[in-house]
PDB file of N, CA and C in Angstrom:
ATOM      1  N   UNK A   1       0.840  -1.171   0.000  1.00  0.00           N
ATOM      2  CA  UNK A   1       0.000   0.000   0.000  1.00  0.00           C
ATOM      3  C   UNK A   1       0.890   1.240   0.000  1.00  0.00           C
ATOM      4  N   UNK A   2       0.451   2.244  -0.707  1.00  0.00           N
ATOM      5  CA  UNK A   2       1.169   3.510  -0.789  1.00  0.00           C
ATOM      6  C   UNK A   2       0.604   4.447   0.276  1.00  0.00           C
ATOM      7  N   UNK A   3       1.482   5.022   1.063  1.00  0.00           N
ATOM      8  CA  UNK A   3       1.061   5.996   2.069  1.00  0.00           C
ATOM      9  C   UNK A   3       1.861   7.272   1.861  1.00  0.00           C
ATOM     10  N   UNK A   4       1.147   8.381   1.781  1.00  0.00           N
ATOM     11  CA  UNK A   4       1.805   9.687   1.697  1.00  0.00           C
ATOM     12  C   UNK A   4       1.456  10.460   2.959  1.00  0.00           C
ATOM     13  N   UNK A   5       2.505  10.854   3.684  1.00  0.00           N
ATOM     14  CA  UNK A   5       2.360  11.714   4.858  1.00  0.00           C
ATOM     15  C   UNK A   5       2.690  13.128   4.396  1.00  0.00           C
ATOM     16  N   UNK A   6       1.849  14.067   4.739  1.00  0.00           N
ATOM     17  CA  UNK A   6       2.047  15.418   4.216  1.00  0.00           C
ATOM     18  C   UNK A   6       1.820  16.469   5.302  1.00  0.00           C
ATOM     19  N   UNK A   7       2.527  17.606   5.176  1.00  0.00           N
ATOM     20  CA  UNK A   7       2.344  18.690   6.142  1.00  0.00           C
ATOM     21  C   UNK A   7       1.027  19.418   5.889  1.00  0.00           C
ATOM     22  N   UNK A   8       0.543  20.141   6.877  1.00  0.00           N
ATOM     23  CA  UNK A   8      -0.676  20.928   6.679  1.00  0.00           C
ATOM     24  C   UNK A   8      -0.506  21.914   5.517  1.00  0.00           C
ATOM     25  N   UNK A   9      -1.589  22.202   4.854  1.00  0.00           N
ATOM     26  CA  UNK A   9      -1.619  23.154   3.739  1.00  0.00           C
ATOM     27  C   UNK A   9      -0.767  22.729   2.550  1.00  0.00           C
ATOM     28  N   UNK A  10      -0.536  21.437   2.382  1.00  0.00           N
ATOM     29  CA  UNK A  10       0.206  20.952   1.222  1.00  0.00           C
ATOM     30  C   UNK A  10      -0.670  21.110  -0.019  1.00  0.00           C
ATOM     31  N   UNK A  11      -0.161  21.784  -1.015  1.00  0.00           N
ATOM     32  CA  UNK A  11      -0.951  22.135  -2.199  1.00  0.00           C
ATOM     33  C   UNK A  11      -1.058  21.015  -3.235  1.00  0.00           C
ATOM     34  N   UNK A  12      -0.289  19.947  -3.114  1.00  0.00           N
ATOM     35  CA  UNK A  12      -0.298  18.893  -4.123  1.00  0.00           C
ATOM     36  C   UNK A  12      -1.148  17.679  -3.756  1.00  0.00           C
ATOM     37  N   UNK A  13      -1.755  17.666  -2.605  1.00  0.00           N
ATOM     38  CA  UNK A  13      -2.483  16.483  -2.151  1.00  0.00           C
ATOM     39  C   UNK A  13      -3.620  16.116  -3.091  1.00  0.00           C
ATOM     40  N   UNK A  14      -4.413  17.062  -3.527  1.00  0.00           N
ATOM     41  CA  UNK A  14      -5.528  16.724  -4.431  1.00  0.00           C
ATOM     42  C   UNK A  14      -5.005  16.199  -5.772  1.00  0.00           C
ATOM     43  N   UNK A  15      -3.899  16.741  -6.245  1.00  0.00           N
ATOM     44  CA  UNK A  15      -3.289  16.250  -7.489  1.00  0.00           C
ATOM     45  C   UNK A  15      -2.793  14.822  -7.313  1.00  0.00           C
ATOM     46  N   UNK A  16      -2.092  14.570  -6.207  1.00  0.00           N
ATOM     47  CA  UNK A  16      -1.601  13.215  -5.950  1.00  0.00           C
ATOM     48  C   UNK A  16      -2.754  12.241  -5.778  1.00  0.00           C
ATOM     49  N   UNK A  17      -3.813  12.679  -5.112  1.00  0.00           N
ATOM     50  CA  UNK A  17      -4.971  11.813  -4.916  1.00  0.00           C
ATOM     51  C   UNK A  17      -5.595  11.443  -6.260  1.00  0.00           C
ATOM     52  N   UNK A  18      -5.727  12.401  -7.159  1.00  0.00           N
ATOM     53  CA  UNK A  18      -6.259  12.126  -8.498  1.00  0.00           C
ATOM     54  C   UNK A  18      -5.369  11.122  -9.238  1.00  0.00           C
ATOM     55  N   UNK A  19      -4.075  11.314  -9.164  1.00  0.00           N
ATOM     56  CA  UNK A  19      -3.142  10.412  -9.852  1.00  0.00           C
ATOM     57  C   UNK A  19      -3.208   9.002  -9.270  1.00  0.00           C
ATOM     58  N   UNK A  20      -3.279   8.898  -7.954  1.00  0.00           N
ATOM     59  CA  UNK A  20      -3.370   7.589  -7.324  1.00  0.00           C
ATOM     60  C   UNK A  20      -4.692   6.901  -7.650  1.00  0.00           C
ATOM     61  N   UNK A  21      -5.758   7.669  -7.743  1.00  0.00           N
ATOM     62  CA  UNK A  21      -7.042   7.087  -8.148  1.00  0.00           C
ATOM     63  C   UNK A  21      -6.962   6.518  -9.562  1.00  0.00           C
ATOM     64  N   UNK A  22      -6.260   7.202 -10.446  1.00  0.00           N
ATOM     65  CA  UNK A  22      -6.090   6.729 -11.821  1.00  0.00           C
ATOM     66  C   UNK A  22      -5.265   5.435 -11.864  1.00  0.00           C
ATOM     67  N   UNK A  23      -4.346   5.297 -10.931  1.00  0.00           N
ATOM     68  CA  UNK A  23      -3.491   4.107 -10.900  1.00  0.00           C
ATOM     69  C   UNK A  23      -4.216   2.887 -10.343  1.00  0.00           C
ATOM     70  N   UNK A  24      -5.225   3.111  -9.540  1.00  0.00           N
ATOM     71  CA  UNK A  24      -6.019   2.031  -8.934  1.00  0.00           C
ATOM     72  C   UNK A  24      -5.222   1.183  -7.952  1.00  0.00           C
ATOM     73  N   UNK A  25      -4.194   1.762  -7.341  1.00  0.00           N
ATOM     74  CA  UNK A  25      -3.473   1.104  -6.262  1.00  0.00           C
ATOM     75  C   UNK A  25      -4.089   1.540  -4.941  1.00  0.00           C
ATOM     76  N   UNK A  26      -4.002   0.685  -3.942  1.00  0.00           N
ATOM     77  CA  UNK A  26      -4.480   1.049  -2.622  1.00  0.00           C
ATOM     78  C   UNK A  26      -3.531   2.095  -2.043  1.00  0.00           C
ATOM     79  N   UNK A  27      -4.109   3.162  -1.480  1.00  0.00           N
ATOM     80  CA  UNK A  27      -3.271   4.222  -0.931  1.00  0.00           C
ATOM     81  C   UNK A  27      -3.956   4.875   0.257  1.00  0.00           C
ATOM     82  N   UNK A  28      -3.169   5.648   0.980  1.00  0.00           N
ATOM     83  CA  UNK A  28      -3.674   6.405   2.114  1.00  0.00           C
ATOM     84  C   UNK A  28      -2.919   7.731   2.159  1.00  0.00           C
ATOM     85  N   UNK A  29      -3.633   8.809   2.410  1.00  0.00           N
ATOM     86  CA  UNK A  29      -3.032  10.134   2.570  1.00  0.00           C
ATOM     87  C   UNK A  29      -3.235  10.556   4.021  1.00  0.00           C
ATOM     88  N   UNK A  30      -2.150  10.844   4.708  1.00  0.00           N
ATOM     89  CA  UNK A  30      -2.217  11.158   6.134  1.00  0.00           C
ATOM     90  C   UNK A  30      -1.572  12.511   6.388  1.00  0.00           C
ATOM     91  N   UNK A  31      -2.337  13.415   6.969  1.00  0.00           N
ATOM     92  CA  UNK A  31      -1.769  14.703   7.339  1.00  0.00           C
ATOM     93  C   UNK A  31      -0.922  14.524   8.591  1.00  0.00           C
ATOM     94  N   UNK A  32       0.305  15.023   8.519  1.00  0.00           N
ATOM     95  CA  UNK A  32       1.249  14.943   9.628  1.00  0.00           C
ATOM     96  C   UNK A  32       1.605  16.373  10.023  1.00  0.00           C
ATOM     97  N   UNK A  33       1.038  16.834  11.127  1.00  0.00           N
ATOM     98  CA  UNK A  33       1.234  18.218  11.550  1.00  0.00           C
ATOM     99  C   UNK A  33       2.688  18.550  11.860  1.00  0.00           C
ATOM    100  N   UNK A  34       3.497  17.545  12.189  1.00  0.00           N
ATOM    101  CA  UNK A  34       4.911  17.781  12.510  1.00  0.00           C
ATOM    102  C   UNK A  34       5.801  17.757  11.272  1.00  0.00           C
ATOM    103  N   UNK A  35       5.268  17.340  10.127  1.00  0.00           N
ATOM    104  CA  UNK A  35       6.086  17.204   8.914  1.00  0.00           C
ATOM    105  C   UNK A  35       6.383  18.571   8.303  1.00  0.00           C
ATOM    106  N   UNK A  36       7.581  18.690   7.768  1.00  0.00           N
ATOM    107  CA  UNK A  36       7.945  19.896   7.023  1.00  0.00           C
ATOM    108  C   UNK A  36       7.952  19.617   5.524  1.00  0.00           C
ATOM    109  N   UNK A  37       8.131  18.343   5.171  1.00  0.00           N
ATOM    110  CA  UNK A  37       8.101  17.913   3.770  1.00  0.00           C
ATOM    111  C   UNK A  37       7.233  16.664   3.671  1.00  0.00           C
ATOM    112  N   UNK A  38       6.579  16.475   2.509  1.00  0.00           N
ATOM    113  CA  UNK A  38       5.820  15.233   2.346  1.00  0.00           C
ATOM    114  C   UNK A  38       6.773  14.055   2.190  1.00  0.00           C
ATOM    115  N   UNK A  39       6.307  12.883   2.594  1.00  0.00           N
ATOM    116  CA  UNK A  39       7.092  11.663   2.410  1.00  0.00           C
ATOM    117  C   UNK A  39       6.164  10.541   1.988  1.00  0.00           C
ATOM    118  N   UNK A  40       6.706   9.604   1.252  1.00  0.00           N
ATOM    119  CA  UNK A  40       5.940   8.503   0.695  1.00  0.00           C
ATOM    120  C   UNK A  40       6.544   7.188   1.152  1.00  0.00           C
ATOM    121  N   UNK A  41       5.676   6.251   1.481  1.00  0.00           N
ATOM    122  CA  UNK A  41       6.099   4.893   1.784  1.00  0.00           C
ATOM    123  C   UNK A  41       5.309   3.969   0.872  1.00  0.00           C
ATOM    124  N   UNK A  42       6.032   3.127   0.134  1.00  0.00           N
ATOM    125  CA  UNK A  42       5.419   2.161  -0.771  1.00  0.00           C
ATOM    126  C   UNK A  42       6.114   0.830  -0.528  1.00  0.00           C
ATOM    127  N   UNK A  43       5.543   0.029   0.350  1.00  0.00           N
ATOM    128  CA  UNK A  43       6.201  -1.213   0.737  1.00  0.00           C
ATOM    129  C   UNK A  43       7.499  -0.898   1.440  1.00  0.00           C
ATOM    130  N   UNK A  44       8.598  -1.420   0.913  1.00  0.00           N
ATOM    131  CA  UNK A  44       9.922  -1.192   1.509  1.00  0.00           C
ATOM    132  C   UNK A  44      10.549   0.126   1.048  1.00  0.00           C
ATOM    133  N   UNK A  45       9.961   0.760   0.058  1.00  0.00           N
ATOM    134  CA  UNK A  45      10.547   1.989  -0.498  1.00  0.00           C
ATOM    135  C   UNK A  45      10.030   3.213   0.253  1.00  0.00           C
ATOM    136  N   UNK A  46      10.966   4.090   0.597  1.00  0.00           N
ATOM    137  CA  UNK A  46      10.644   5.338   1.286  1.00  0.00           C
ATOM    138  C   UNK A  46      11.264   6.484   0.506  1.00  0.00           C
ATOM    139  N   UNK A  47      10.479   7.511   0.244  1.00  0.00           N
ATOM    140  CA  UNK A  47      10.998   8.700  -0.416  1.00  0.00           C
ATOM    141  C   UNK A  47      10.515   9.922   0.338  1.00  0.00           C
ATOM    142  N   UNK A  48      11.260  11.000   0.223  1.00  0.00           N
ATOM    143  CA  UNK A  48      10.899  12.232   0.917  1.00  0.00           C
ATOM    144  C   UNK A  48      11.090  13.414  -0.010  1.00  0.00           C
ATOM    145  N   UNK A  49      10.142  14.316   0.020  1.00  0.00           N
ATOM    146  CA  UNK A  49      10.208  15.528  -0.786  1.00  0.00           C
ATOM    147  C   UNK A  49       9.358  15.424  -2.041  1.00  0.00           C
ATOM    148  N   UNK A  50       8.947  16.570  -2.519  1.00  0.00           N
ATOM    149  CA  UNK A  50       8.063  16.633  -3.685  1.00  0.00           C
ATOM    150  C   UNK A  50       8.692  16.013  -4.930  1.00  0.00           C
ATOM    151  N   UNK A  51       9.944  16.342  -5.289  1.00  0.00           N
ATOM    152  CA  UNK A  51      10.522  15.739  -6.499  1.00  0.00           C
ATOM    153  C   UNK A  51      10.591  14.210  -6.430  1.00  0.00           C
ATOM    154  N   UNK A  52      10.933  13.667  -5.265  1.00  0.00           N
ATOM    155  CA  UNK A  52      11.032  12.216  -5.122  1.00  0.00           C
ATOM    156  C   UNK A  52       9.658  11.553  -5.225  1.00  0.00           C
ATOM    157  N   UNK A  53       8.647  12.162  -4.636  1.00  0.00           N
ATOM    158  CA  UNK A  53       7.288  11.614  -4.720  1.00  0.00           C
ATOM    159  C   UNK A  53       6.779  11.695  -6.157  1.00  0.00           C
ATOM    160  N   UNK A  54       7.020  12.812  -6.815  1.00  0.00           N
ATOM    161  CA  UNK A  54       6.621  12.952  -8.217  1.00  0.00           C
ATOM    162  C   UNK A  54       7.278  11.866  -9.082  1.00  0.00           C
ATOM    163  N   UNK A  55       8.569  11.629  -8.864  1.00  0.00           N
ATOM    164  CA  UNK A  55       9.287  10.613  -9.638  1.00  0.00           C
ATOM    165  C   UNK A  55       8.710   9.224  -9.366  1.00  0.00           C
ATOM    166  N   UNK A  56       8.369   8.947  -8.126  1.00  0.00           N
ATOM    167  CA  UNK A  56       7.803   7.645  -7.788  1.00  0.00           C
ATOM    168  C   UNK A  56       6.448   7.453  -8.467  1.00  0.00           C
ATOM    169  N   UNK A  57       5.605   8.469  -8.411  1.00  0.00           N
ATOM    170  CA  UNK A  57       4.291   8.373  -9.065  1.00  0.00           C
ATOM    171  C   UNK A  57       4.442   8.221 -10.581  1.00  0.00           C
ATOM    172  N   UNK A  58       5.391   8.943 -11.166  1.00  0.00           N
ATOM    173  CA  UNK A  58       5.635   8.812 -12.608  1.00  0.00           C
ATOM    174  C   UNK A  58       6.074   7.399 -12.965  1.00  0.00           C
ATOM    175  N   UNK A  59       6.902   6.785 -12.117  1.00  0.00           N
ATOM    176  CA  UNK A  59       7.330   5.413 -12.410  1.00  0.00           C
ATOM    177  C   UNK A  59       6.165   4.438 -12.303  1.00  0.00           C
ATOM    178  N   UNK A  60       5.250   4.666 -11.368  1.00  0.00           N
ATOM    179  CA  UNK A  60       4.058   3.820 -11.265  1.00  0.00           C
ATOM    180  C   UNK A  60       3.137   4.016 -12.463  1.00  0.00           C
ATOM    181  N   UNK A  61       3.008   5.256 -12.915  1.00  0.00           N
ATOM    182  CA  UNK A  61       2.176   5.528 -14.096  1.00  0.00           C
ATOM    183  C   UNK A  61       2.765   4.854 -15.334  1.00  0.00           C
ATOM    184  N   UNK A  62       4.088   4.882 -15.457  1.00  0.00           N
ATOM    185  CA  UNK A  62       4.743   4.217 -16.584  1.00  0.00           C
ATOM    186  C   UNK A  62       4.569   2.707 -16.490  1.00  0.00           C
ATOM    187  N   UNK A  63       4.682   2.156 -15.288  1.00  0.00           N
ATOM    188  CA  UNK A  63       4.466   0.731 -15.078  1.00  0.00           C
ATOM    189  C   UNK A  63       3.063   0.328 -15.532  1.00  0.00           C
ATOM    190  N   UNK A  64       2.064   1.111 -15.145  1.00  0.00           N
ATOM    191  CA  UNK A  64       0.686   0.803 -15.540  1.00  0.00           C
ATOM    192  C   UNK A  64       0.523   0.893 -17.054  1.00  0.00           C
ATOM    193  N   UNK A  65       1.103   1.915 -17.661  1.00  0.00           N
ATOM    194  CA  UNK A  65       1.019   2.067 -19.109  1.00  0.00           C
ATOM    195  C   UNK A  65       1.674   0.886 -19.815  1.00  0.00           C
ATOM    196  N   UNK A  66       2.868   0.508 -19.365  1.00  0.00           N
ATOM    197  CA  UNK A  66       3.570  -0.629 -19.966  1.00  0.00           C
ATOM    198  C   UNK A  66       2.799  -1.927 -19.768  1.00  0.00           C
ATOM    199  N   UNK A  67       2.174  -2.070 -18.622  1.00  0.00           N
ATOM    200  CA  UNK A  67       1.392  -3.272 -18.330  1.00  0.00           C
ATOM    201  C   UNK A  67       0.263  -3.415 -19.348  1.00  0.00           C
ATOM    202  N   UNK A  68      -0.456  -2.328 -19.597  1.00  0.00           N
ATOM    203  CA  UNK A  68      -1.574  -2.400 -20.537  1.00  0.00           C
ATOM    204  C   UNK A  68      -1.103  -2.492 -21.983  1.00  0.00           C
ATOM    205  N   UNK A  69       0.054  -1.926 -22.283  1.00  0.00           N
ATOM    206  CA  UNK A  69       0.588  -2.031 -23.639  1.00  0.00           C
ATOM    207  C   UNK A  69       1.045  -3.444 -23.962  1.00  0.00           C
ATOM    208  N   UNK A  70       1.315  -4.252 -22.949  1.00  0.00           N
ATOM    209  CA  UNK A  70       1.814  -5.606 -23.159  1.00  0.00           C
ATOM    210  C   UNK A  70       0.721  -6.675 -23.121  1.00  0.00           C
ATOM    211  N   UNK A  71      -0.510  -6.277 -23.053  1.00  0.00           N
ATOM    212  CA  UNK A  71      -1.568  -7.284 -22.906  1.00  0.00           C
ATOM    213  C   UNK A  71      -1.704  -8.129 -24.181  1.00  0.00           C
ATOM    214  N   UNK A  72      -2.145  -9.336 -24.015  1.00  0.00           N
ATOM    215  CA  UNK A  72      -2.186 -10.330 -25.090  1.00  0.00           C
ATOM    216  C   UNK A  72      -3.166  -9.989 -26.205  1.00  0.00           C
ATOM    217  N   UNK A  73      -4.244  -9.326 -25.894  1.00  0.00           N
ATOM    218  CA  UNK A  73      -5.249  -9.076 -26.936  1.00  0.00           C
ATOM    219  C   UNK A  73      -4.822  -8.002 -27.936  1.00  0.00           C
ATOM    220  N   UNK A  74      -3.646  -7.443 -27.768  1.00  0.00           N
ATOM    221  CA  UNK A  74      -3.132  -6.457 -28.716  1.00  0.00           C
ATOM    222  C   UNK A  74      -2.328  -7.118 -29.819  1.00  0.00           C
ATOM    223  N   UNK A  75      -2.188  -8.424 -29.767  1.00  0.00           N
ATOM    224  CA  UNK A  75      -1.387  -9.137 -30.748  1.00  0.00           C
ATOM    225  C   UNK A  75      -2.231 -10.197 -31.446  1.00  0.00           C
ATOM    226  N   UNK A  76      -1.857 -10.490 -32.659  1.00  0.00           N
ATOM    227  CA  UNK A  76      -2.536 -11.509 -33.446  1.00  0.00           C
ATOM    228  C   UNK A  76      -1.497 -12.561 -33.822  1.00  0.00           C
ATOM    229  N   UNK A  77      -1.900 -13.804 -33.787  1.00  0.00           N
ATOM    230  CA  UNK A  77      -0.974 -14.878 -34.101  1.00  0.00           C
ATOM    231  C   UNK A  77      -1.072 -15.233 -35.575  1.00  0.00           C
ATOM    232  N   UNK A  78       0.055 -15.120 -36.260  1.00  0.00           N
ATOM    233  CA  UNK A  78       0.168 -15.516 -37.664  1.00  0.00           C
ATOM    234  C   UNK A  78       1.367 -16.442 -37.755  1.00  0.00           C
ATOM    235  N   UNK A  79       1.134 -17.724 -37.997  1.00  0.00           N
ATOM    236  CA  UNK A  79       2.233 -18.699 -37.964  1.00  0.00           C
ATOM    237  C   UNK A  79       3.389 -18.376 -38.897  1.00  0.00           C
ATOM    238  N   UNK A  80       3.146 -17.692 -40.016  1.00  0.00           N
ATOM    239  CA  UNK A  80       4.207 -17.413 -40.972  1.00  0.00           C
ATOM    240  C   UNK A  80       4.892 -16.065 -40.741  1.00  0.00           C
ATOM    241  N   UNK A  81       4.415 -15.294 -39.792  1.00  0.00           N
ATOM    242  CA  UNK A  81       4.993 -13.970 -39.547  1.00  0.00           C
ATOM    243  C   UNK A  81       6.312 -14.099 -38.789  1.00  0.00           C
ATOM    244  N   UNK A  82       7.244 -13.158 -39.038  1.00  0.00           N
ATOM    245  CA  UNK A  82       8.513 -13.185 -38.286  1.00  0.00           C
ATOM    246  C   UNK A  82       8.248 -12.884 -36.807  1.00  0.00           C
ATOM    247  N   UNK A  83       9.171 -13.274 -35.959  1.00  0.00           N
ATOM    248  CA  UNK A  83       9.029 -12.981 -34.541  1.00  0.00           C
ATOM    249  C   UNK A  83       8.081 -13.943 -33.853  1.00  0.00           C
ATOM    250  N   UNK A  84       8.176 -15.196 -34.168  1.00  0.00           N
ATOM    251  CA  UNK A  84       7.379 -16.249 -33.552  1.00  0.00           C
ATOM    252  C   UNK A  84       5.896 -16.146 -33.887  1.00  0.00           C
ATOM    253  N   UNK A  85       5.564 -15.447 -34.928  1.00  0.00           N
ATOM    254  CA  UNK A  85       4.191 -15.423 -35.408  1.00  0.00           C
ATOM    255  C   UNK A  85       3.282 -14.396 -34.777  1.00  0.00           C
ATOM    256  N   UNK A  86       3.809 -13.558 -33.881  1.00  0.00           N
ATOM    257  CA  UNK A  86       2.954 -12.555 -33.253  1.00  0.00           C
ATOM    258  C   UNK A  86       3.155 -11.206 -33.918  1.00  0.00           C
ATOM    259  N   UNK A  87       2.071 -10.572 -34.294  1.00  0.00           N
ATOM    260  CA  UNK A  87       2.136  -9.226 -34.851  1.00  0.00           C
ATOM    261  C   UNK A  87       1.241  -8.327 -34.048  1.00  0.00           C
ATOM    262  N   UNK A  88       1.664  -7.100 -33.883  1.00  0.00           N
ATOM    263  CA  UNK A  88       0.879  -6.122 -33.122  1.00  0.00           C
ATOM    264  C   UNK A  88      -0.304  -5.679 -33.950  1.00  0.00           C
ATOM    265  N   UNK A  89      -1.477  -5.652 -33.336  1.00  0.00           N
ATOM    266  CA  UNK A  89      -2.703  -5.229 -34.021  1.00  0.00           C
ATOM    267  C   UNK A  89      -2.804  -3.725 -33.988  1.00  0.00           C
TER     268      UNK A  89
END
């Protein structure tokens, strides 16, 4: 599960929430009154600061995009085609 701890009045929370909703991963946003910078925990990975969180979300978005680009129904099997008979539709 992805957890983002953020300081009060953080301006990016609604943006991050929208992005996480698009990813369909389980997440939690927790306001931390003692925090000076937002921090993210995703399993064993910990990042701190806006640039690091942005980079992490971008990598998850790319992972999701690559996952859907690799799905089986995007290919057609042609036994005589090069590349083991699979061609992209």
